[in-house]
N, C-alpha and C. Protein backbone atom coordinates (compact mmCIF):
# COMPACT_ATOMS: atom_id res chain seq x y z
N MET A 1 127.37 46.36 104.06
CA MET A 1 128.10 47.81 103.75
C MET A 1 126.90 48.73 103.00
N MET A 2 126.31 47.99 101.95
CA MET A 2 125.53 48.45 101.01
C MET A 2 124.57 49.25 101.95
N MET A 3 123.83 48.79 102.92
CA MET A 3 122.67 49.23 103.71
C MET A 3 123.08 50.09 104.62
N ASN A 4 124.12 50.18 105.38
CA ASN A 4 124.77 51.24 106.23
C ASN A 4 124.68 52.50 105.08
N LYS A 5 125.34 52.39 103.95
CA LYS A 5 125.66 53.27 102.69
C LYS A 5 124.16 53.90 102.51
N SER A 6 123.06 53.25 101.98
CA SER A 6 121.87 53.84 102.14
C SER A 6 120.91 54.64 103.26
N LYS A 7 121.43 54.09 104.33
CA LYS A 7 120.76 54.33 105.46
C LYS A 7 121.61 55.92 105.92
N VAL A 8 122.72 56.17 105.29
CA VAL A 8 123.46 57.34 105.79
C VAL A 8 123.17 58.34 104.46
N ILE A 9 122.86 57.59 103.11
CA ILE A 9 122.37 58.88 102.42
C ILE A 9 120.76 59.31 102.87
N SER A 10 120.06 58.27 103.27
CA SER A 10 118.59 58.83 103.42
C SER A 10 118.66 59.49 104.99
N SER A 11 119.45 59.29 105.82
CA SER A 11 119.62 60.39 106.77
C SER A 11 120.14 61.88 106.41
N ILE A 12 121.06 61.89 105.57
CA ILE A 12 121.53 62.93 104.64
C ILE A 12 120.22 63.66 104.21
N ALA A 13 119.50 63.17 103.62
CA ALA A 13 118.45 63.27 102.25
C ALA A 13 117.39 64.21 103.50
N ILE A 14 117.10 63.67 104.44
CA ILE A 14 116.13 63.87 105.65
C ILE A 14 116.70 65.33 106.23
N LEU A 15 118.04 65.18 106.29
CA LEU A 15 118.44 66.17 107.00
C LEU A 15 118.42 67.60 106.32
N PHE A 16 118.79 67.55 105.30
CA PHE A 16 119.01 68.61 103.88
C PHE A 16 117.27 68.88 104.16
N PHE A 17 116.03 68.21 103.78
CA PHE A 17 115.00 68.54 103.64
C PHE A 17 114.74 69.75 104.94
N ALA A 18 114.89 68.78 105.85
CA ALA A 18 114.44 69.23 107.48
C ALA A 18 115.11 70.82 107.63
N LEU A 19 116.26 70.77 107.05
CA LEU A 19 117.18 72.12 107.11
C LEU A 19 116.60 72.86 106.02
N LEU A 20 116.03 72.68 105.00
CA LEU A 20 115.49 73.60 104.27
C LEU A 20 114.27 73.88 104.26
N LEU A 21 113.45 73.13 104.85
CA LEU A 21 111.81 73.61 105.80
C LEU A 21 112.16 74.66 106.67
N MET A 22 113.28 74.11 107.49
CA MET A 22 113.54 75.45 108.51
C MET A 22 114.04 76.76 107.69
N CYS A 23 114.68 76.80 106.92
CA CYS A 23 115.07 78.00 106.34
C CYS A 23 113.83 78.70 105.23
N LEU A 24 112.88 78.01 104.86
CA LEU A 24 111.76 78.65 104.19
C LEU A 24 111.03 79.49 105.47
N ALA A 25 111.13 78.42 106.39
CA ALA A 25 109.97 79.02 107.50
C ALA A 25 110.42 80.52 108.13
N GLY A 26 111.93 80.61 107.70
CA GLY A 26 112.43 81.97 108.33
C GLY A 26 111.82 83.45 107.39
N CYS A 27 111.86 82.69 106.15
CA CYS A 27 111.59 83.60 105.10
C CYS A 27 110.01 84.14 104.88
N GLY A 28 110.12 85.86 104.78
CA GLY A 28 109.02 86.19 104.21
C GLY A 28 108.62 87.36 105.59
N ASP A 29 107.35 87.54 105.83
CA ASP A 29 106.80 88.80 106.37
C ASP A 29 107.22 88.05 107.79
N THR A 30 107.72 89.27 108.75
CA THR A 30 108.18 88.84 110.06
C THR A 30 107.48 89.54 110.94
N THR A 31 105.99 90.69 110.61
CA THR A 31 105.33 91.38 111.73
C THR A 31 104.77 90.69 112.21
N THR A 32 104.99 91.00 113.35
CA THR A 32 104.03 90.51 114.67
C THR A 32 102.95 91.41 115.26
N PHE A 33 102.06 90.74 115.13
CA PHE A 33 100.50 91.54 115.96
C PHE A 33 100.63 91.10 117.25
N THR A 34 99.91 91.95 117.96
CA THR A 34 99.62 91.79 119.27
C THR A 34 97.82 91.79 119.23
N GLY A 35 97.51 91.22 120.53
CA GLY A 35 96.24 91.33 120.70
C GLY A 35 95.75 91.09 122.16
N ASP A 36 94.56 90.89 122.76
CA ASP A 36 94.11 90.78 123.89
C ASP A 36 93.16 89.32 123.67
N GLY A 37 93.53 88.60 122.90
CA GLY A 37 92.11 87.51 122.64
C GLY A 37 91.11 87.94 121.99
N LYS A 38 91.04 89.03 121.73
CA LYS A 38 89.36 89.68 120.92
C LYS A 38 89.77 90.43 119.69
N ASN A 39 90.85 91.10 120.23
CA ASN A 39 90.79 92.26 119.20
C ASN A 39 92.60 92.07 118.70
N VAL A 40 92.91 92.32 117.64
CA VAL A 40 94.77 92.30 116.85
C VAL A 40 94.61 93.84 116.67
N TYR A 41 95.86 94.02 117.10
CA TYR A 41 96.16 95.44 117.04
C TYR A 41 97.53 95.24 116.36
N ALA A 42 97.63 96.76 116.09
CA ALA A 42 99.08 97.45 114.70
C ALA A 42 100.43 96.46 115.58
N PRO A 43 101.21 96.11 114.78
CA PRO A 43 102.84 95.48 115.12
C PRO A 43 103.47 96.99 116.06
N ALA A 44 104.40 96.44 116.64
CA ALA A 44 105.02 97.61 117.16
C ALA A 44 106.17 98.04 115.84
N LEU A 45 106.57 99.45 115.86
CA LEU A 45 107.26 100.10 115.11
C LEU A 45 106.02 100.81 113.82
N SER A 46 105.10 100.50 113.89
CA SER A 46 103.97 100.90 113.12
C SER A 46 103.07 102.22 113.32
N LYS A 47 102.63 102.74 112.81
CA LYS A 47 102.23 104.11 112.79
C LYS A 47 100.55 104.41 112.70
N VAL A 48 100.25 105.25 113.25
CA VAL A 48 98.63 105.37 113.20
C VAL A 48 98.76 107.03 112.74
N PHE A 49 97.97 107.33 111.74
CA PHE A 49 97.85 108.99 111.48
C PHE A 49 96.63 109.17 111.08
N PHE A 50 96.18 110.71 110.53
CA PHE A 50 94.92 111.09 110.49
C PHE A 50 95.54 111.54 109.06
N ASN A 51 94.32 112.03 108.26
CA ASN A 51 94.29 112.46 106.72
C ASN A 51 94.87 113.98 106.95
N VAL A 52 94.60 114.64 107.73
CA VAL A 52 94.43 115.78 107.79
C VAL A 52 95.60 115.95 109.61
N THR A 53 95.84 117.41 109.61
CA THR A 53 96.84 117.42 110.93
C THR A 53 95.78 118.37 111.51
N ASP A 54 95.85 118.94 112.49
CA ASP A 54 94.68 120.07 112.87
C ASP A 54 93.36 120.18 112.03
N VAL A 55 92.20 120.49 112.70
CA VAL A 55 90.95 120.84 112.27
C VAL A 55 90.86 122.23 112.94
N THR A 56 90.07 123.22 112.66
CA THR A 56 89.95 124.35 113.37
C THR A 56 88.45 124.95 112.60
N ILE A 57 87.48 124.79 113.01
CA ILE A 57 85.98 125.05 112.42
C ILE A 57 85.31 126.35 113.23
N SER A 58 85.59 127.73 112.52
CA SER A 58 85.27 128.73 112.59
C SER A 58 83.87 129.28 112.10
N ALA A 59 83.26 130.10 113.21
CA ALA A 59 81.74 130.84 112.80
C ALA A 59 81.30 129.86 112.31
N PRO A 60 80.34 128.69 112.88
CA PRO A 60 79.72 127.66 112.29
C PRO A 60 78.12 128.11 112.17
N THR A 61 77.37 128.07 111.01
CA THR A 61 76.07 127.95 111.15
C THR A 61 75.26 126.15 110.91
N GLY A 62 74.39 126.27 111.86
CA GLY A 62 73.68 124.91 111.92
C GLY A 62 75.19 123.46 112.26
N THR A 63 74.60 122.38 111.80
CA THR A 63 75.82 121.33 111.75
C THR A 63 76.55 121.05 111.40
N VAL A 64 77.70 120.98 111.55
CA VAL A 64 79.03 120.48 110.76
C VAL A 64 79.58 119.32 110.97
N ARG A 65 79.51 119.13 109.30
CA ARG A 65 80.44 117.24 109.16
C ARG A 65 81.69 117.70 108.96
N GLN A 66 82.59 116.59 109.82
CA GLN A 66 84.20 116.97 109.47
C GLN A 66 84.61 115.38 109.23
N ASP A 67 84.73 115.00 108.05
CA ASP A 67 85.34 113.94 107.50
C ASP A 67 86.66 113.39 107.78
N LEU A 68 87.06 112.21 108.19
CA LEU A 68 88.45 112.16 108.87
C LEU A 68 88.64 110.58 108.60
N THR A 69 90.09 110.68 108.39
CA THR A 69 90.38 109.01 107.81
C THR A 69 91.58 108.37 108.30
N LEU A 70 91.87 107.72 108.92
CA LEU A 70 92.65 106.93 109.87
C LEU A 70 93.39 106.11 108.87
N PHE A 71 94.67 105.82 109.09
CA PHE A 71 95.56 105.31 108.51
C PHE A 71 96.81 104.69 109.06
N VAL A 72 97.00 103.30 109.03
CA VAL A 72 97.98 102.32 109.85
C VAL A 72 99.18 102.13 108.96
N ILE A 73 100.22 102.34 109.10
CA ILE A 73 101.24 101.41 108.03
C ILE A 73 102.32 101.10 109.14
N ASP A 74 103.12 99.98 108.41
CA ASP A 74 103.99 99.68 109.00
C ASP A 74 105.49 99.97 109.10
N LYS A 75 106.59 99.49 109.19
CA LYS A 75 107.81 100.33 109.25
C LYS A 75 108.65 100.55 108.09
N ASP A 76 107.91 100.01 107.15
CA ASP A 76 108.64 99.89 105.62
C ASP A 76 107.56 100.34 104.77
N LEU A 77 106.27 100.89 105.63
CA LEU A 77 105.57 102.04 104.84
C LEU A 77 104.40 101.93 104.22
N LEU A 78 104.30 100.16 104.52
CA LEU A 78 103.50 99.51 104.13
C LEU A 78 101.97 99.48 104.85
N PRO A 79 100.80 99.68 104.44
CA PRO A 79 99.73 99.49 105.00
C PRO A 79 99.48 97.93 106.12
N VAL A 80 98.72 98.44 106.87
CA VAL A 80 97.97 97.41 107.92
C VAL A 80 97.05 97.34 107.96
N GLY A 81 96.49 96.38 107.20
CA GLY A 81 94.95 96.27 107.39
C GLY A 81 94.47 95.27 108.75
N ASN A 82 93.23 95.19 108.51
CA ASN A 82 92.62 94.49 109.79
C ASN A 82 93.02 94.51 110.94
N VAL A 83 93.17 95.82 111.79
CA VAL A 83 93.82 95.81 113.01
C VAL A 83 92.87 96.79 113.46
N HIS A 84 92.75 96.37 114.79
CA HIS A 84 91.80 97.33 115.59
C HIS A 84 92.33 98.52 116.10
N LEU A 85 91.32 99.92 116.23
CA LEU A 85 91.90 101.13 116.69
C LEU A 85 91.29 101.36 117.81
N ARG A 86 91.15 101.98 119.07
CA ARG A 86 90.48 102.68 119.85
C ARG A 86 90.44 104.30 119.48
N VAL A 87 89.53 104.90 119.57
CA VAL A 87 89.34 106.23 119.25
C VAL A 87 88.59 106.67 120.41
N ASP A 88 89.30 108.05 120.82
CA ASP A 88 88.88 108.59 122.19
C ASP A 88 88.61 110.22 122.35
N ALA A 89 87.86 110.71 122.53
CA ALA A 89 87.92 112.34 122.81
C ALA A 89 87.08 112.82 123.64
N MET A 90 87.17 113.89 124.41
CA MET A 90 86.84 114.47 125.52
C MET A 90 85.47 115.41 124.55
N PHE A 91 84.57 115.57 125.53
CA PHE A 91 83.49 116.25 125.01
C PHE A 91 82.59 115.58 124.06
N ALA A 92 82.96 114.14 123.46
CA ALA A 92 82.27 113.29 122.27
C ALA A 92 80.87 112.38 123.54
N PHE A 93 79.67 112.52 122.68
CA PHE A 93 78.79 111.55 123.51
C PHE A 93 79.47 110.53 123.67
N PRO A 94 79.61 109.87 124.69
CA PRO A 94 78.27 110.15 125.91
C PRO A 94 78.47 111.24 127.03
N PHE A 95 80.00 112.14 126.64
CA PHE A 95 79.99 113.38 127.36
C PHE A 95 78.93 113.74 127.75
N ASN A 96 78.17 114.48 128.80
CA ASN A 96 76.89 115.49 128.99
C ASN A 96 77.36 116.79 129.77
N PRO A 97 76.93 117.91 128.39
CA PRO A 97 76.35 117.66 127.71
C PRO A 97 77.65 117.25 126.24
N SER A 98 77.06 116.68 125.49
CA SER A 98 77.88 116.25 124.56
C SER A 98 78.09 117.24 123.29
N LEU A 99 79.12 117.86 123.04
CA LEU A 99 79.59 118.42 121.81
C LEU A 99 79.66 118.28 120.60
N PHE A 100 79.69 117.01 120.45
CA PHE A 100 79.78 116.65 119.30
C PHE A 100 79.62 114.95 119.27
N GLN A 101 79.73 114.36 118.28
CA GLN A 101 79.16 112.96 117.91
C GLN A 101 79.91 112.01 117.11
N PHE A 102 80.49 110.81 116.89
CA PHE A 102 81.01 110.16 115.97
C PHE A 102 80.29 109.20 115.28
N TYR A 103 80.66 109.26 114.40
CA TYR A 103 79.57 108.22 113.14
C TYR A 103 80.63 107.60 112.48
N ASP A 104 80.51 106.11 112.36
CA ASP A 104 80.75 105.49 111.32
C ASP A 104 80.46 106.09 109.71
N ALA A 105 81.88 105.80 109.07
CA ALA A 105 81.25 106.50 107.45
C ALA A 105 80.42 105.48 106.69
N LYS A 106 81.15 104.25 106.85
CA LYS A 106 80.12 103.41 105.97
C LYS A 106 78.80 103.21 106.14
N THR A 107 78.37 102.88 107.62
CA THR A 107 77.24 102.75 108.07
C THR A 107 76.35 103.86 107.93
N ASN A 108 77.11 104.87 108.78
CA ASN A 108 76.53 106.27 109.28
C ASN A 108 75.74 106.02 110.99
N ALA A 109 76.62 104.73 111.69
CA ALA A 109 75.75 104.57 112.95
C ALA A 109 76.53 105.34 113.89
N PRO A 110 75.92 105.95 114.95
CA PRO A 110 76.78 106.65 115.65
C PRO A 110 77.23 105.47 116.87
N LEU A 111 78.50 106.61 116.91
CA LEU A 111 79.76 105.99 117.77
C LEU A 111 79.64 106.52 119.44
N ALA A 112 79.63 105.69 120.34
CA ALA A 112 79.68 106.10 121.86
C ALA A 112 81.49 106.23 121.94
N SER A 113 81.99 107.47 122.43
CA SER A 113 83.22 107.34 122.55
C SER A 113 83.72 107.00 124.04
N PRO A 114 85.05 106.01 124.62
CA PRO A 114 85.65 105.81 123.16
C PRO A 114 85.26 104.79 122.56
N PHE A 115 85.49 104.09 121.36
CA PHE A 115 85.18 103.18 120.42
C PHE A 115 86.46 102.67 119.82
N THR A 116 85.93 101.12 119.02
CA THR A 116 87.17 100.30 118.97
C THR A 116 86.31 100.42 117.30
N ALA A 117 87.39 100.18 116.54
CA ALA A 117 87.31 100.42 115.13
C ALA A 117 87.88 99.70 114.41
N LEU A 118 87.60 98.79 113.31
CA LEU A 118 88.68 97.81 112.20
C LEU A 118 89.01 98.44 111.12
N THR A 119 90.35 98.36 110.66
CA THR A 119 90.82 99.07 109.76
C THR A 119 90.04 98.09 108.61
N GLY A 120 90.54 98.65 107.05
CA GLY A 120 90.20 97.68 106.29
C GLY A 120 91.05 96.84 105.50
N ASP A 121 91.34 96.38 104.74
CA ASP A 121 92.49 95.50 103.89
C ASP A 121 93.75 95.99 103.84
N TYR A 122 93.34 97.59 103.47
CA TYR A 122 94.20 98.63 102.66
C TYR A 122 94.93 99.60 104.07
N GLY A 123 94.65 99.39 105.39
CA GLY A 123 95.04 100.15 106.46
C GLY A 123 94.02 101.25 107.09
N THR A 124 92.86 101.31 106.43
CA THR A 124 92.31 102.53 106.60
C THR A 124 90.95 102.43 107.41
N TYR A 125 91.15 103.56 108.42
CA TYR A 125 89.15 103.75 108.75
C TYR A 125 88.48 105.06 108.41
N GLU A 126 87.29 104.90 108.19
CA GLU A 126 86.95 106.61 107.38
C GLU A 126 85.50 106.79 108.99
N PHE A 127 85.53 107.53 109.08
CA PHE A 127 84.52 108.20 110.10
C PHE A 127 84.45 109.83 110.29
N TYR A 128 83.16 110.07 110.71
CA TYR A 128 82.86 111.67 111.11
C TYR A 128 82.94 111.85 111.69
N VAL A 129 82.57 113.53 112.40
CA VAL A 129 82.26 114.05 113.60
C VAL A 129 80.82 114.95 112.93
N LEU A 130 79.74 114.78 113.72
CA LEU A 130 78.85 115.76 113.73
C LEU A 130 78.88 117.05 114.75
N ILE A 131 78.88 118.23 114.18
CA ILE A 131 79.04 119.36 115.38
C ILE A 131 77.93 120.61 115.19
N PRO A 132 77.00 120.43 116.34
CA PRO A 132 76.13 121.41 116.00
C PRO A 132 76.57 122.66 116.66
N ALA A 133 76.11 123.82 116.11
CA ALA A 133 76.30 125.08 116.04
C ALA A 133 76.17 125.49 117.95
N THR A 134 74.86 125.02 117.97
CA THR A 134 74.36 125.13 119.31
C THR A 134 74.25 123.93 120.31
N ILE A 135 74.06 124.00 121.37
CA ILE A 135 73.99 123.27 122.41
C ILE A 135 72.86 123.53 123.49
N SER A 136 72.28 122.34 123.91
CA SER A 136 71.12 122.99 124.98
C SER A 136 71.51 123.01 126.56
N PHE A 137 72.73 123.73 126.77
CA PHE A 137 73.12 123.46 127.91
C PHE A 137 74.36 124.69 128.08
N PRO A 138 73.90 125.69 129.03
CA PRO A 138 73.17 125.66 130.07
C PRO A 138 71.77 126.20 129.61
N THR A 139 71.60 126.76 128.41
CA THR A 139 70.28 127.65 127.75
C THR A 139 70.06 126.67 126.47
N PRO A 140 68.51 126.79 125.63
CA PRO A 140 68.55 125.72 124.34
C PRO A 140 69.19 126.32 123.13
N THR A 141 70.03 127.28 123.16
CA THR A 141 70.81 128.26 122.34
C THR A 141 72.02 128.44 122.69
N THR A 142 72.60 127.90 123.44
CA THR A 142 73.98 128.38 123.96
C THR A 142 74.91 128.22 122.74
N PRO A 143 75.85 128.70 121.86
CA PRO A 143 76.79 128.44 121.05
C PRO A 143 77.65 127.17 121.85
N ASN A 144 77.94 126.81 120.68
CA ASN A 144 78.86 125.48 120.97
C ASN A 144 80.37 125.89 120.77
N SER A 145 80.96 125.70 121.63
CA SER A 145 82.69 126.03 121.30
C SER A 145 83.73 125.11 122.36
N PHE A 146 84.56 124.75 121.79
CA PHE A 146 85.56 123.57 122.57
C PHE A 146 86.92 123.51 121.50
N THR A 147 88.00 123.12 122.58
CA THR A 147 89.14 122.56 122.06
C THR A 147 89.39 120.97 122.46
N THR A 148 89.26 119.95 121.73
CA THR A 148 89.70 118.97 122.11
C THR A 148 90.97 118.19 121.22
N ASN A 149 91.23 116.57 122.12
CA ASN A 149 92.00 116.40 120.89
C ASN A 149 91.20 114.77 120.32
N ILE A 150 91.50 114.41 119.58
CA ILE A 150 90.97 113.11 118.87
C ILE A 150 91.79 112.24 119.01
N ASP A 151 92.25 111.04 120.19
CA ASP A 151 93.43 110.25 120.07
C ASP A 151 93.15 108.90 119.95
N VAL A 152 94.11 108.22 119.11
CA VAL A 152 93.74 107.10 118.29
C VAL A 152 94.91 106.23 118.77
N THR A 153 94.69 104.80 119.45
CA THR A 153 96.05 103.76 119.65
C THR A 153 95.44 102.67 118.80
N SER A 154 96.59 101.90 118.93
CA SER A 154 96.60 100.74 118.22
C SER A 154 97.45 99.91 119.03
N GLY A 155 97.62 99.04 120.25
CA GLY A 155 98.57 98.60 120.67
C GLY A 155 99.97 99.22 120.71
N PRO A 156 101.08 98.46 120.18
CA PRO A 156 102.45 99.25 120.49
C PRO A 156 102.63 100.01 119.07
N ALA A 157 101.78 100.20 118.59
CA ALA A 157 102.14 101.27 117.41
C ALA A 157 102.00 102.87 117.96
N THR A 158 102.91 103.65 117.05
CA THR A 158 102.78 104.92 117.38
C THR A 158 101.36 105.69 117.17
N PRO A 159 101.21 106.40 118.21
CA PRO A 159 99.53 106.84 118.50
C PRO A 159 99.65 108.29 117.40
N ALA A 160 98.31 108.46 116.96
CA ALA A 160 97.83 109.86 116.49
C ALA A 160 97.12 109.96 117.32
N SER A 161 97.03 111.58 117.04
CA SER A 161 96.63 112.77 117.99
C SER A 161 95.79 114.10 117.16
N LEU A 162 94.78 114.11 117.29
CA LEU A 162 93.97 115.12 116.05
C LEU A 162 93.31 116.24 116.79
N LYS A 163 93.74 117.45 116.80
CA LYS A 163 93.70 118.54 117.77
C LYS A 163 92.15 119.23 116.75
N LEU A 164 91.18 119.41 117.79
CA LEU A 164 89.44 119.67 116.94
C LEU A 164 89.04 120.80 117.42
N THR A 165 89.45 122.02 116.85
CA THR A 165 88.90 123.60 117.29
C THR A 165 87.29 123.79 116.75
N PHE A 166 86.48 124.35 117.66
CA PHE A 166 85.18 124.48 117.08
C PHE A 166 84.71 125.68 117.89
N ASN A 167 84.90 126.95 116.83
CA ASN A 167 84.49 128.21 117.74
C ASN A 167 83.75 129.08 116.79
């Protein structure tokens, strides 16, 4: 009888620890990231947005640089780091004729539209656009003038769009 009692106590102790581990496994961050095997995207209910609303540049002379920052936040308004973004805009390089060019702000490397970017640990990505005042089509000194949207997506997150006007 003593042996059966110790088996029961051992079984109860094991069951208690198993339940405790199951409860602890359910605690903490429940954010679910999605991906395609190569890229990790922001979770559902998160949001992507720009540091500015719309940008209008009027009467430019020379080449204009416009700095932009993207932010990704989750449903609790916390930054979502290390997720991929897809940035796209009509008229950007390699569009022919290109009316502007994207660049990575950290490396100054030119980026072809659309491009994929990775947010930093604090859910931000910085880039800029260079816009020449004149383009070489149809003549070498044609004034550059356009309106386009810069669209940004990351999986199921609410996407961002920025209207860029240059005239």
